[in-house]
Amino acid sequence: MTPPVTQQATAPEILSRCRALVRPDLSLAVRQLHPWHAEITAFSLGWDGPGGRAVPGGQGKGIRQALAVLGAEAVGAPARSAVRGAVAVELIHTFSLLHDDIMDGDETRRQRATAWKAYGTGPAVLAGDALFALAVQTLADAPGTQCVPAVRLLAGTLSDLVRGQADDLLFETRPWTGPDAVQPHEYRLMAEHKTGALLGCAAGLGAVLGGAGRTETDALSAAGRHLGVAFQTMDDVLGIWGDPEVTGKPVHSDLRRQKKTYPVLTALAAGDRAALQLGALLRTGDPLDDSTVRRAAGLVEEAGGRSAAVDEAHRHLESARACLDSVTLAPDAVGELLALLPYFVERTV
């Protein structure tokens, strides 16, 4: 008799399942914070508005939580074993967004004010610091023998994350063109540190807390890192051509801020007529008005920056698949991981 075929869950269903599993423990962890920090965190997570009031704006998709849960299931462990890791990476992700928004001067996220705009810079910095400490404590209190490797993995991730953030900020001080210009390969390395490290940590923590060996943990961590680069590259595409209803930011927002992103850097590296015109436009350092920013976006696309970024994201997606194929993992969990992968590149642009 042929066994019944189990219908594969969709990406939204997978994300919803993992969020529902992690949310009670995440809420409990947030309540351990100073009440002020807990309020700012709840606001940042999209749970509440200032003072607990309801405000418009969405919550995060919880992709890091999902990678942690699926990482545990992929090594044959119950989903519950990954919850501590999922909470830790969500706390670190929120910490990084609090500080990142301040450093970048971003005033909106998920179609609502950023925490520093709602509460002030000092309170947002303090809340981020509190989340950093709470994430480490969450893993340090894990029972069993996996506490030490889990904390070690998180510590290495934090080092990578701040290294990537430092490079991202330093890129702003470098010229658009010439021998000191930021090259696409430098940007890829920055993205692996700034974005890929935490996604890799999420999947790796799930494996570690699930009792996996080094081979499986490394494969899942590497897959997550590739997904991070794909995610960051597509975020760069969204930052120029994304629908404001999806991104929560104005169209061409990254170009208007003259932010060095992968589509722009690859366009400049093309060296053709459009690239030269784009470089001349950006080198002035003048603010870009509506007409100029539209012209810049057109030049980026003409020089191949948009298509190069999309191709780069797909290459890293395939590399993530190859990492998953390189080890023996639980088929059902791998199926859900594979169902989740397209989310990293198939967002509306």
C-alpha atoms as a PDB file:
ATOM      1  CA  MET A   1       0.000   0.000   0.000  1.00  0.00           C
ATOM      2  CA  THR A   2       1.378   3.420  -0.972  1.00  0.00           C
ATOM      3  CA  PRO A   3       1.758   5.716   2.071  1.00  0.00           C
ATOM      4  CA  PRO A   4      -0.192   8.961   1.931  1.00  0.00           C
ATOM      5  CA  VAL A   5       1.730  11.968   0.648  1.00  0.00           C
ATOM      6  CA  THR A   6       2.138  14.682   3.241  1.00  0.00           C
ATOM      7  CA  GLN A   7       1.459  18.085   1.758  1.00  0.00           C
ATOM      8  CA  GLN A   8       4.448  20.415   2.134  1.00  0.00           C
ATOM      9  CA  ALA A   9       3.844  23.403   4.391  1.00  0.00           C
ATOM     10  CA  THR A  10       4.191  26.820   2.770  1.00  0.00           C
ATOM     11  CA  ALA A  11       6.730  29.414   3.915  1.00  0.00           C
ATOM     12  CA  PRO A  12       4.067  31.522   5.720  1.00  0.00           C
ATOM     13  CA  GLU A  13       2.801  28.398   7.498  1.00  0.00           C
ATOM     14  CA  ILE A  14       6.323  27.415   8.554  1.00  0.00           C
ATOM     15  CA  LEU A  15       7.093  30.896   9.854  1.00  0.00           C
ATOM     16  CA  SER A  16       3.763  31.023  11.708  1.00  0.00           C
ATOM     17  CA  ARG A  17       4.348  27.637  13.347  1.00  0.00           C
ATOM     18  CA  CYS A  18       7.796  28.623  14.565  1.00  0.00           C
ATOM     19  CA  ARG A  19       6.675  32.040  15.835  1.00  0.00           C
ATOM     20  CA  ALA A  20       3.842  30.423  17.787  1.00  0.00           C
ATOM     21  CA  LEU A  21       6.307  28.010  19.394  1.00  0.00           C
ATOM     22  CA  VAL A  22       8.828  30.693  20.343  1.00  0.00           C
ATOM     23  CA  ARG A  23       6.567  33.618  21.270  1.00  0.00           C
ATOM     24  CA  PRO A  24       5.676  32.534  24.857  1.00  0.00           C
ATOM     25  CA  ASP A  25       9.336  32.144  25.816  1.00  0.00           C
ATOM     26  CA  LEU A  26      10.316  35.330  23.996  1.00  0.00           C
ATOM     27  CA  SER A  27       7.598  37.235  25.856  1.00  0.00           C
ATOM     28  CA  LEU A  28       8.778  35.768  29.155  1.00  0.00           C
ATOM     29  CA  ALA A  29      12.364  36.809  28.399  1.00  0.00           C
ATOM     30  CA  VAL A  30      11.345  40.376  27.516  1.00  0.00           C
ATOM     31  CA  ARG A  31       9.431  40.671  30.804  1.00  0.00           C
ATOM     32  CA  GLN A  32      12.715  40.049  32.642  1.00  0.00           C
ATOM     33  CA  LEU A  33      14.011  43.402  31.407  1.00  0.00           C
ATOM     34  CA  HIS A  34      13.683  46.743  33.147  1.00  0.00           C
ATOM     35  CA  PRO A  35      10.081  47.865  32.462  1.00  0.00           C
ATOM     36  CA  TRP A  36      11.296  50.756  30.292  1.00  0.00           C
ATOM     37  CA  HIS A  37      13.496  48.475  28.216  1.00  0.00           C
ATOM     38  CA  ALA A  38      10.705  45.917  27.989  1.00  0.00           C
ATOM     39  CA  GLU A  39       8.346  48.587  26.628  1.00  0.00           C
ATOM     40  CA  ILE A  40      10.883  49.722  24.004  1.00  0.00           C
ATOM     41  CA  THR A  41      11.517  46.106  23.030  1.00  0.00           C
ATOM     42  CA  ALA A  42       7.801  45.367  22.680  1.00  0.00           C
ATOM     43  CA  PHE A  43       7.546  48.441  20.470  1.00  0.00           C
ATOM     44  CA  SER A  44      10.529  47.329  18.372  1.00  0.00           C
ATOM     45  CA  LEU A  45       9.080  43.846  17.953  1.00  0.00           C
ATOM     46  CA  GLY A  46       5.783  45.331  16.771  1.00  0.00           C
ATOM     47  CA  TRP A  47       3.832  44.072  19.753  1.00  0.00           C
ATOM     48  CA  ASP A  48       2.829  47.463  21.204  1.00  0.00           C
ATOM     49  CA  GLY A  49       3.127  51.168  20.590  1.00  0.00           C
ATOM     50  CA  PRO A  50       4.667  53.747  22.959  1.00  0.00           C
ATOM     51  CA  GLY A  51       3.171  53.358  26.398  1.00  0.00           C
ATOM     52  CA  GLY A  52       1.572  50.079  25.325  1.00  0.00           C
ATOM     53  CA  ARG A  53      -0.820  51.801  22.915  1.00  0.00           C
ATOM     54  CA  ALA A  54      -1.691  50.069  19.664  1.00  0.00           C
ATOM     55  CA  VAL A  55      -0.106  51.666  16.589  1.00  0.00           C
ATOM     56  CA  PRO A  56       0.019  50.716  12.904  1.00  0.00           C
ATOM     57  CA  GLY A  57       2.960  48.672  11.649  1.00  0.00           C
ATOM     58  CA  GLY A  58       3.860  45.053  11.233  1.00  0.00           C
ATOM     59  CA  GLN A  59       5.851  42.554  13.219  1.00  0.00           C
ATOM     60  CA  GLY A  60       8.898  40.787  11.875  1.00  0.00           C
ATOM     61  CA  LYS A  61       8.472  37.530   9.969  1.00  0.00           C
ATOM     62  CA  GLY A  62      10.587  35.608  12.506  1.00  0.00           C
ATOM     63  CA  ILE A  63      12.905  34.026   9.954  1.00  0.00           C
ATOM     64  CA  ARG A  64      15.749  33.676  12.459  1.00  0.00           C
ATOM     65  CA  GLN A  65      13.445  31.939  14.917  1.00  0.00           C
ATOM     66  CA  ALA A  66      12.338  29.587  12.168  1.00  0.00           C
ATOM     67  CA  LEU A  67      15.908  28.741  11.162  1.00  0.00           C
ATOM     68  CA  ALA A  68      16.721  27.835  14.768  1.00  0.00           C
ATOM     69  CA  VAL A  69      13.679  25.578  15.092  1.00  0.00           C
ATOM     70  CA  LEU A  70      14.276  23.926  11.716  1.00  0.00           C
ATOM     71  CA  GLY A  71      17.961  23.530  12.541  1.00  0.00           C
ATOM     72  CA  ALA A  72      17.044  21.401  15.553  1.00  0.00           C
ATOM     73  CA  GLU A  73      14.457  19.408  13.642  1.00  0.00           C
ATOM     74  CA  ALA A  74      16.933  18.848  10.804  1.00  0.00           C
ATOM     75  CA  VAL A  75      19.262  16.980  13.181  1.00  0.00           C
ATOM     76  CA  GLY A  76      16.407  14.872  14.510  1.00  0.00           C
ATOM     77  CA  ALA A  77      15.750  16.827  17.702  1.00  0.00           C
ATOM     78  CA  PRO A  78      12.348  18.125  18.858  1.00  0.00           C
ATOM     79  CA  ALA A  79      11.509  21.708  17.923  1.00  0.00           C
ATOM     80  CA  ARG A  80      11.262  22.606  21.596  1.00  0.00           C
ATOM     81  CA  SER A  81      14.986  22.044  22.081  1.00  0.00           C
ATOM     82  CA  ALA A  82      15.746  25.064  19.882  1.00  0.00           C
ATOM     83  CA  VAL A  83      13.493  27.585  21.605  1.00  0.00           C
ATOM     84  CA  ARG A  84      16.248  29.036  23.805  1.00  0.00           C
ATOM     85  CA  GLY A  85      18.401  29.553  20.756  1.00  0.00           C
ATOM     86  CA  ALA A  86      15.507  31.097  18.836  1.00  0.00           C
ATOM     87  CA  VAL A  87      14.863  33.533  21.683  1.00  0.00           C
ATOM     88  CA  ALA A  88      18.547  34.467  21.870  1.00  0.00           C
ATOM     89  CA  VAL A  89      18.881  35.206  18.151  1.00  0.00           C
ATOM     90  CA  GLU A  90      15.646  37.228  18.122  1.00  0.00           C
ATOM     91  CA  LEU A  91      16.934  39.312  21.042  1.00  0.00           C
ATOM     92  CA  ILE A  92      20.245  39.880  19.242  1.00  0.00           C
ATOM     93  CA  HIS A  93      18.449  40.742  16.005  1.00  0.00           C
ATOM     94  CA  THR A  94      16.319  43.322  17.810  1.00  0.00           C
ATOM     95  CA  PHE A  95      19.405  44.729  19.553  1.00  0.00           C
ATOM     96  CA  SER A  96      21.152  45.098  16.192  1.00  0.00           C
ATOM     97  CA  LEU A  97      18.163  46.876  14.625  1.00  0.00           C
ATOM     98  CA  LEU A  98      17.901  49.325  17.539  1.00  0.00           C
ATOM     99  CA  HIS A  99      21.540  50.336  17.132  1.00  0.00           C
ATOM    100  CA  ASP A 100      21.558  50.090  13.325  1.00  0.00           C
ATOM    101  CA  ASP A 101      18.635  52.502  12.972  1.00  0.00           C
ATOM    102  CA  ILE A 102      20.476  55.043  15.114  1.00  0.00           C
ATOM    103  CA  MET A 103      23.728  54.704  13.164  1.00  0.00           C
ATOM    104  CA  ASP A 104      21.941  54.974   9.817  1.00  0.00           C
ATOM    105  CA  GLY A 105      19.565  57.716  10.938  1.00  0.00           C
ATOM    106  CA  ASP A 106      16.562  55.654   9.817  1.00  0.00           C
ATOM    107  CA  GLU A 107      13.307  57.117  11.086  1.00  0.00           C
ATOM    108  CA  THR A 108      10.916  54.363   9.992  1.00  0.00           C
ATOM    109  CA  ARG A 109      10.891  50.580  10.075  1.00  0.00           C
ATOM    110  CA  ARG A 110       7.975  48.274   9.238  1.00  0.00           C
ATOM    111  CA  GLN A 111       5.824  51.328   8.455  1.00  0.00           C
ATOM    112  CA  ARG A 112       6.202  52.864  11.900  1.00  0.00           C
ATOM    113  CA  ALA A 113       8.675  55.105  13.713  1.00  0.00           C
ATOM    114  CA  THR A 114      11.949  53.512  14.774  1.00  0.00           C
ATOM    115  CA  ALA A 115      12.578  53.151  18.499  1.00  0.00           C
ATOM    116  CA  TRP A 116      15.015  56.054  18.727  1.00  0.00           C
ATOM    117  CA  LYS A 117      12.463  58.357  17.075  1.00  0.00           C
ATOM    118  CA  ALA A 118       9.716  57.194  19.433  1.00  0.00           C
ATOM    119  CA  TYR A 119      11.731  57.081  22.658  1.00  0.00           C
ATOM    120  CA  GLY A 120      14.970  58.978  22.066  1.00  0.00           C
ATOM    121  CA  THR A 121      18.492  57.903  21.197  1.00  0.00           C
ATOM    122  CA  GLY A 122      19.711  57.208  24.726  1.00  0.00           C
ATOM    123  CA  PRO A 123      16.790  54.971  25.719  1.00  0.00           C
ATOM    124  CA  ALA A 124      17.053  53.028  22.437  1.00  0.00           C
ATOM    125  CA  VAL A 125      20.797  52.439  22.960  1.00  0.00           C
ATOM    126  CA  LEU A 126      20.191  51.254  26.523  1.00  0.00           C
ATOM    127  CA  ALA A 127      17.396  48.926  25.454  1.00  0.00           C
ATOM    128  CA  GLY A 128      19.713  47.430  22.822  1.00  0.00           C
ATOM    129  CA  ASP A 129      22.429  46.897  25.409  1.00  0.00           C
ATOM    130  CA  ALA A 130      19.934  45.182  27.704  1.00  0.00           C
ATOM    131  CA  LEU A 131      18.859  42.839  24.901  1.00  0.00           C
ATOM    132  CA  PHE A 132      22.481  41.968  24.156  1.00  0.00           C
ATOM    133  CA  ALA A 133      23.040  40.937  27.781  1.00  0.00           C
ATOM    134  CA  LEU A 134      19.747  39.057  27.994  1.00  0.00           C
ATOM    135  CA  ALA A 135      20.533  37.025  24.868  1.00  0.00           C
ATOM    136  CA  VAL A 136      23.829  35.819  26.326  1.00  0.00           C
ATOM    137  CA  GLN A 137      22.160  35.044  29.658  1.00  0.00           C
ATOM    138  CA  THR A 138      19.405  33.095  27.885  1.00  0.00           C
ATOM    139  CA  LEU A 139      21.948  30.690  26.407  1.00  0.00           C
ATOM    140  CA  ALA A 140      24.198  30.648  29.474  1.00  0.00           C
ATOM    141  CA  ASP A 141      21.245  29.346  31.516  1.00  0.00           C
ATOM    142  CA  ALA A 142      20.557  26.509  29.071  1.00  0.00           C
ATOM    143  CA  PRO A 143      20.483  23.123  30.816  1.00  0.00           C
ATOM    144  CA  GLY A 144      22.687  20.209  29.842  1.00  0.00           C
ATOM    145  CA  THR A 145      26.045  20.059  28.131  1.00  0.00           C
ATOM    146  CA  GLN A 146      25.188  22.263  25.137  1.00  0.00           C
ATOM    147  CA  CYS A 147      25.396  25.551  27.048  1.00  0.00           C
ATOM    148  CA  VAL A 148      29.091  26.191  26.415  1.00  0.00           C
ATOM    149  CA  PRO A 149      29.135  25.484  22.651  1.00  0.00           C
ATOM    150  CA  ALA A 150      25.930  27.505  22.250  1.00  0.00           C
ATOM    151  CA  VAL A 151      27.388  30.542  24.022  1.00  0.00           C
ATOM    152  CA  ARG A 152      30.625  30.151  22.065  1.00  0.00           C
ATOM    153  CA  LEU A 153      28.696  30.156  18.780  1.00  0.00           C
ATOM    154  CA  LEU A 154      26.741  33.254  19.802  1.00  0.00           C
ATOM    155  CA  ALA A 155      29.912  35.055  20.908  1.00  0.00           C
ATOM    156  CA  GLY A 156      31.589  34.426  17.559  1.00  0.00           C
ATOM    157  CA  THR A 157      28.458  35.628  15.796  1.00  0.00           C
ATOM    158  CA  LEU A 158      28.401  38.861  17.790  1.00  0.00           C
ATOM    159  CA  SER A 159      32.019  39.502  16.847  1.00  0.00           C
ATOM    160  CA  ASP A 160      31.174  38.990  13.168  1.00  0.00           C
ATOM    161  CA  LEU A 161      28.066  41.137  13.382  1.00  0.00           C
ATOM    162  CA  VAL A 162      29.810  44.200  14.841  1.00  0.00           C
ATOM    163  CA  ARG A 163      32.715  43.712  12.414  1.00  0.00           C
ATOM    164  CA  GLY A 164      30.268  43.824   9.531  1.00  0.00           C
ATOM    165  CA  GLN A 165      28.555  46.887  10.957  1.00  0.00           C
ATOM    166  CA  ALA A 166      31.926  48.618  11.321  1.00  0.00           C
ATOM    167  CA  ASP A 167      32.786  47.899   7.688  1.00  0.00           C
ATOM    168  CA  ASP A 168      29.364  49.150   6.584  1.00  0.00           C
ATOM    169  CA  LEU A 169      29.940  52.457   8.374  1.00  0.00           C
ATOM    170  CA  LEU A 170      33.498  52.775   7.061  1.00  0.00           C
ATOM    171  CA  PHE A 171      32.236  52.250   3.514  1.00  0.00           C
ATOM    172  CA  GLU A 172      30.435  55.581   3.877  1.00  0.00           C
ATOM    173  CA  THR A 173      33.781  57.393   4.224  1.00  0.00           C
ATOM    174  CA  ARG A 174      35.257  55.887   1.056  1.00  0.00           C
ATOM    175  CA  PRO A 175      34.899  57.399  -2.437  1.00  0.00           C
ATOM    176  CA  TRP A 176      32.467  56.125  -5.035  1.00  0.00           C
ATOM    177  CA  THR A 177      35.141  55.658  -7.692  1.00  0.00           C
ATOM    178  CA  GLY A 178      38.909  55.318  -7.955  1.00  0.00           C
ATOM    179  CA  PRO A 179      41.453  52.999  -6.310  1.00  0.00           C
ATOM    180  CA  ASP A 180      39.938  53.421  -2.824  1.00  0.00           C
ATOM    181  CA  ALA A 181      36.359  52.727  -3.907  1.00  0.00           C
ATOM    182  CA  VAL A 182      34.428  49.899  -2.242  1.00  0.00           C
ATOM    183  CA  GLN A 183      34.523  46.792  -4.430  1.00  0.00           C
ATOM    184  CA  PRO A 184      31.658  44.279  -4.760  1.00  0.00           C
ATOM    185  CA  HIS A 185      33.704  41.481  -3.124  1.00  0.00           C
ATOM    186  CA  GLU A 186      34.257  43.705  -0.067  1.00  0.00           C
ATOM    187  CA  TYR A 187      30.545  44.312   0.135  1.00  0.00           C
ATOM    188  CA  ARG A 188      29.810  40.573  -0.020  1.00  0.00           C
ATOM    189  CA  LEU A 189      32.156  39.954   2.921  1.00  0.00           C
ATOM    190  CA  MET A 190      30.520  42.767   4.888  1.00  0.00           C
ATOM    191  CA  ALA A 191      27.060  41.304   4.184  1.00  0.00           C
ATOM    192  CA  GLU A 192      28.188  37.857   5.299  1.00  0.00           C
ATOM    193  CA  HIS A 193      29.294  39.331   8.628  1.00  0.00           C
ATOM    194  CA  LYS A 194      26.524  41.864   9.184  1.00  0.00           C
ATOM    195  CA  THR A 195      23.544  39.786   8.024  1.00  0.00           C
ATOM    196  CA  GLY A 196      24.738  36.270   7.277  1.00  0.00           C
ATOM    197  CA  ALA A 197      26.387  35.648  10.639  1.00  0.00           C
ATOM    198  CA  LEU A 198      23.157  35.847  12.637  1.00  0.00           C
ATOM    199  CA  LEU A 199      21.162  33.731  10.191  1.00  0.00           C
ATOM    200  CA  GLY A 200      23.950  31.160  10.266  1.00  0.00           C
ATOM    201  CA  CYS A 201      23.998  31.336  14.053  1.00  0.00           C
ATOM    202  CA  ALA A 202      20.251  30.718  14.188  1.00  0.00           C
ATOM    203  CA  ALA A 203      20.428  27.490  12.202  1.00  0.00           C
ATOM    204  CA  GLY A 204      23.629  26.459  13.962  1.00  0.00           C
ATOM    205  CA  LEU A 205      22.207  27.071  17.429  1.00  0.00           C
ATOM    206  CA  GLY A 206      19.240  24.882  16.614  1.00  0.00           C
ATOM    207  CA  ALA A 207      21.643  22.105  15.666  1.00  0.00           C
ATOM    208  CA  VAL A 208      23.864  22.603  18.736  1.00  0.00           C
ATOM    209  CA  LEU A 209      20.942  22.661  21.165  1.00  0.00           C
ATOM    210  CA  GLY A 210      19.564  19.622  19.366  1.00  0.00           C
ATOM    211  CA  GLY A 211      22.748  17.713  20.207  1.00  0.00           C
ATOM    212  CA  ALA A 212      24.240  17.643  16.701  1.00  0.00           C
ATOM    213  CA  GLY A 213      27.877  17.060  15.902  1.00  0.00           C
ATOM    214  CA  ARG A 214      30.271  19.523  14.306  1.00  0.00           C
ATOM    215  CA  THR A 215      29.641  18.385  10.725  1.00  0.00           C
ATOM    216  CA  GLU A 216      25.882  18.963  10.790  1.00  0.00           C
ATOM    217  CA  THR A 217      26.212  22.194  12.767  1.00  0.00           C
ATOM    218  CA  ASP A 218      28.769  23.630  10.348  1.00  0.00           C
ATOM    219  CA  ALA A 219      26.653  22.713   7.315  1.00  0.00           C
ATOM    220  CA  LEU A 220      23.536  24.355   8.743  1.00  0.00           C
ATOM    221  CA  SER A 221      25.507  27.425   9.850  1.00  0.00           C
ATOM    222  CA  ALA A 222      27.038  27.784   6.394  1.00  0.00           C
ATOM    223  CA  ALA A 223      23.615  27.477   4.757  1.00  0.00           C
ATOM    224  CA  GLY A 224      22.315  30.239   7.011  1.00  0.00           C
ATOM    225  CA  ARG A 225      25.235  32.493   6.131  1.00  0.00           C
ATOM    226  CA  HIS A 226      24.522  32.103   2.438  1.00  0.00           C
ATOM    227  CA  LEU A 227      20.870  32.911   3.086  1.00  0.00           C
ATOM    228  CA  GLY A 228      21.988  36.049   4.910  1.00  0.00           C
ATOM    229  CA  VAL A 229      23.938  37.323   1.914  1.00  0.00           C
ATOM    230  CA  ALA A 230      20.981  36.528  -0.362  1.00  0.00           C
ATOM    231  CA  PHE A 231      18.659  38.355   2.039  1.00  0.00           C
ATOM    232  CA  GLN A 232      20.919  41.418   2.287  1.00  0.00           C
ATOM    233  CA  THR A 233      21.422  41.609  -1.472  1.00  0.00           C
ATOM    234  CA  MET A 234      17.686  41.500  -2.122  1.00  0.00           C
ATOM    235  CA  ASP A 235      17.171  44.087   0.625  1.00  0.00           C
ATOM    236  CA  ASP A 236      19.476  46.330  -1.380  1.00  0.00           C
ATOM    237  CA  VAL A 237      17.281  45.818  -4.437  1.00  0.00           C
ATOM    238  CA  LEU A 238      14.216  46.651  -2.346  1.00  0.00           C
ATOM    239  CA  GLY A 239      15.992  49.729  -0.972  1.00  0.00           C
ATOM    240  CA  ILE A 240      16.054  51.213  -4.470  1.00  0.00           C
ATOM    241  CA  TRP A 241      13.118  49.696  -6.368  1.00  0.00           C
ATOM    242  CA  GLY A 242      10.935  48.227  -3.615  1.00  0.00           C
ATOM    243  CA  ASP A 243       7.257  48.975  -3.142  1.00  0.00           C
ATOM    244  CA  PRO A 244       6.880  51.344  -0.142  1.00  0.00           C
ATOM    245  CA  GLU A 245       3.868  49.272   0.955  1.00  0.00           C
ATOM    246  CA  VAL A 246       6.236  46.323   1.343  1.00  0.00           C
ATOM    247  CA  THR A 247       9.398  48.033   2.564  1.00  0.00           C
ATOM    248  CA  GLY A 248       7.840  50.708   4.757  1.00  0.00           C
ATOM    249  CA  LYS A 249      10.324  53.161   3.214  1.00  0.00           C
ATOM    250  CA  PRO A 250      10.046  55.610   0.291  1.00  0.00           C
ATOM    251  CA  VAL A 251      11.036  54.344  -3.151  1.00  0.00           C
ATOM    252  CA  HIS A 252      14.726  54.977  -3.957  1.00  0.00           C
ATOM    253  CA  SER A 253      15.379  55.490  -0.230  1.00  0.00           C
ATOM    254  CA  ASP A 254      18.875  53.933  -0.219  1.00  0.00           C
ATOM    255  CA  LEU A 255      19.908  55.902  -3.291  1.00  0.00           C
ATOM    256  CA  ARG A 256      18.552  59.123  -1.834  1.00  0.00           C
ATOM    257  CA  ARG A 257      20.758  58.520   1.216  1.00  0.00           C
ATOM    258  CA  GLN A 258      23.637  57.694  -1.171  1.00  0.00           C
ATOM    259  CA  LYS A 259      24.156  54.406   0.640  1.00  0.00           C
ATOM    260  CA  LYS A 260      26.740  52.062  -0.858  1.00  0.00           C
ATOM    261  CA  THR A 261      24.746  48.953  -1.736  1.00  0.00           C
ATOM    262  CA  TYR A 262      25.442  45.959  -3.937  1.00  0.00           C
ATOM    263  CA  PRO A 263      23.445  47.103  -7.009  1.00  0.00           C
ATOM    264  CA  VAL A 264      25.206  50.480  -7.010  1.00  0.00           C
ATOM    265  CA  LEU A 265      28.695  49.066  -6.438  1.00  0.00           C
ATOM    266  CA  THR A 266      28.346  46.447  -9.171  1.00  0.00           C
ATOM    267  CA  ALA A 267      26.952  49.068 -11.535  1.00  0.00           C
ATOM    268  CA  LEU A 268      29.928  51.344 -10.893  1.00  0.00           C
ATOM    269  CA  ALA A 269      32.323  48.425 -11.406  1.00  0.00           C
ATOM    270  CA  ALA A 270      30.869  47.769 -14.877  1.00  0.00           C
ATOM    271  CA  GLY A 271      32.915  50.613 -16.323  1.00  0.00           C
ATOM    272  CA  ASP A 272      30.508  51.330 -19.203  1.00  0.00           C
ATOM    273  CA  ARG A 273      28.925  54.617 -20.191  1.00  0.00           C
ATOM    274  CA  ALA A 274      26.090  54.317 -17.664  1.00  0.00           C
ATOM    275  CA  ALA A 275      28.606  53.471 -14.913  1.00  0.00           C
ATOM    276  CA  LEU A 276      30.711  56.529 -15.715  1.00  0.00           C
ATOM    277  CA  GLN A 277      27.660  58.779 -15.692  1.00  0.00           C
ATOM    278  CA  LEU A 278      26.508  57.271 -12.390  1.00  0.00           C
ATOM    279  CA  GLY A 279      29.949  57.799 -10.846  1.00  0.00           C
ATOM    280  CA  ALA A 280      30.026  61.438 -11.975  1.00  0.00           C
ATOM    281  CA  LEU A 281      26.565  61.997 -10.485  1.00  0.00           C
ATOM    282  CA  LEU A 282      27.407  60.425  -7.124  1.00  0.00           C
ATOM    283  CA  ARG A 283      30.865  61.983  -6.773  1.00  0.00           C
ATOM    284  CA  THR A 284      29.381  65.463  -6.420  1.00  0.00           C
ATOM    285  CA  GLY A 285      28.072  64.565  -2.973  1.00  0.00           C
ATOM    286  CA  ASP A 286      25.077  66.825  -3.582  1.00  0.00           C
ATOM    287  CA  PRO A 287      21.680  65.735  -2.237  1.00  0.00           C
ATOM    288  CA  LEU A 288      19.642  63.885  -4.837  1.00  0.00           C
ATOM    289  CA  ASP A 289      16.269  65.452  -5.627  1.00  0.00           C
ATOM    290  CA  ASP A 290      13.388  63.426  -7.061  1.00  0.00           C
ATOM    291  CA  SER A 291      14.486  63.863 -10.657  1.00  0.00           C
ATOM    292  CA  THR A 292      18.152  63.103  -9.978  1.00  0.00           C
ATOM    293  CA  VAL A 293      17.450  60.040  -7.858  1.00  0.00           C
ATOM    294  CA  ARG A 294      15.238  58.608 -10.609  1.00  0.00           C
ATOM    295  CA  ARG A 295      18.043  59.173 -13.097  1.00  0.00           C
ATOM    296  CA  ALA A 296      20.534  57.503 -10.757  1.00  0.00           C
ATOM    297  CA  ALA A 297      18.258  54.481 -10.355  1.00  0.00           C
ATOM    298  CA  GLY A 298      17.945  54.239 -14.132  1.00  0.00           C
ATOM    299  CA  LEU A 299      21.730  54.357 -14.541  1.00  0.00           C
ATOM    300  CA  VAL A 300      22.210  51.624 -11.912  1.00  0.00           C
ATOM    301  CA  GLU A 301      19.781  49.416 -13.823  1.00  0.00           C
ATOM    302  CA  GLU A 302      21.301  50.278 -17.211  1.00  0.00           C
ATOM    303  CA  ALA A 303      24.787  49.383 -15.943  1.00  0.00           C
ATOM    304  CA  GLY A 304      23.500  45.986 -14.788  1.00  0.00           C
ATOM    305  CA  GLY A 305      23.443  46.627 -11.044  1.00  0.00           C
ATOM    306  CA  ARG A 306      19.911  45.395 -10.462  1.00  0.00           C
ATOM    307  CA  SER A 307      20.302  42.170 -12.431  1.00  0.00           C
ATOM    308  CA  ALA A 308      23.715  41.512 -10.847  1.00  0.00           C
ATOM    309  CA  ALA A 309      22.216  41.817  -7.369  1.00  0.00           C
ATOM    310  CA  VAL A 310      19.365  39.441  -8.170  1.00  0.00           C
ATOM    311  CA  ASP A 311      21.824  36.952  -9.708  1.00  0.00           C
ATOM    312  CA  GLU A 312      24.047  37.200  -6.624  1.00  0.00           C
ATOM    313  CA  ALA A 313      21.110  36.452  -4.339  1.00  0.00           C
ATOM    314  CA  HIS A 314      20.182  33.373  -6.374  1.00  0.00           C
ATOM    315  CA  ARG A 315      23.795  32.130  -6.336  1.00  0.00           C
ATOM    316  CA  HIS A 316      23.836  32.242  -2.552  1.00  0.00           C
ATOM    317  CA  LEU A 317      20.474  30.533  -2.434  1.00  0.00           C
ATOM    318  CA  GLU A 318      21.905  27.666  -4.478  1.00  0.00           C
ATOM    319  CA  SER A 319      24.965  27.568  -2.218  1.00  0.00           C
ATOM    320  CA  ALA A 320      22.649  27.229   0.777  1.00  0.00           C
ATOM    321  CA  ARG A 321      20.942  24.279  -0.915  1.00  0.00           C
ATOM    322  CA  ALA A 322      24.340  22.686  -1.557  1.00  0.00           C
ATOM    323  CA  CYS A 323      25.239  23.014   2.141  1.00  0.00           C
ATOM    324  CA  LEU A 324      22.029  21.222   3.119  1.00  0.00           C
ATOM    325  CA  ASP A 325      22.745  18.482   0.580  1.00  0.00           C
ATOM    326  CA  SER A 326      26.269  17.940   1.931  1.00  0.00           C
ATOM    327  CA  VAL A 327      25.163  16.160   5.130  1.00  0.00           C
ATOM    328  CA  THR A 328      22.495  13.691   6.212  1.00  0.00           C
ATOM    329  CA  LEU A 329      19.589  15.527   7.793  1.00  0.00           C
ATOM    330  CA  ALA A 330      15.968  14.698   8.661  1.00  0.00           C
ATOM    331  CA  PRO A 331      14.025  14.773   5.357  1.00  0.00           C
ATOM    332  CA  ASP A 332      10.905  16.485   6.686  1.00  0.00           C
ATOM    333  CA  ALA A 333      12.868  19.341   8.242  1.00  0.00           C
ATOM    334  CA  VAL A 334      15.004  19.721   5.128  1.00  0.00           C
ATOM    335  CA  GLY A 335      11.799  19.889   3.113  1.00  0.00           C
ATOM    336  CA  GLU A 336      10.606  22.780   5.257  1.00  0.00           C
ATOM    337  CA  LEU A 337      13.987  24.506   4.996  1.00  0.00           C
ATOM    338  CA  LEU A 338      13.838  24.196   1.221  1.00  0.00           C
ATOM    339  CA  ALA A 339      10.259  25.531   1.236  1.00  0.00           C
ATOM    340  CA  LEU A 340      11.483  28.529   3.223  1.00  0.00           C
ATOM    341  CA  LEU A 341      14.477  29.343   0.988  1.00  0.00           C
ATOM    342  CA  PRO A 342      12.595  31.180  -1.799  1.00  0.00           C
ATOM    343  CA  TYR A 343      11.406  33.725   0.766  1.00  0.00           C
ATOM    344  CA  PHE A 344      14.916  35.154   0.815  1.00  0.00           C
ATOM    345  CA  VAL A 345      14.816  36.201  -2.827  1.00  0.00           C
ATOM    346  CA  GLU A 346      11.189  36.246  -3.981  1.00  0.00           C
ATOM    347  CA  ARG A 347      10.005  39.341  -2.204  1.00  0.00           C
ATOM    348  CA  THR A 348       8.097  42.037  -4.106  1.00  0.00           C
ATOM    349  CA  VAL A 349      10.372  44.515  -5.891  1.00  0.00           C
END
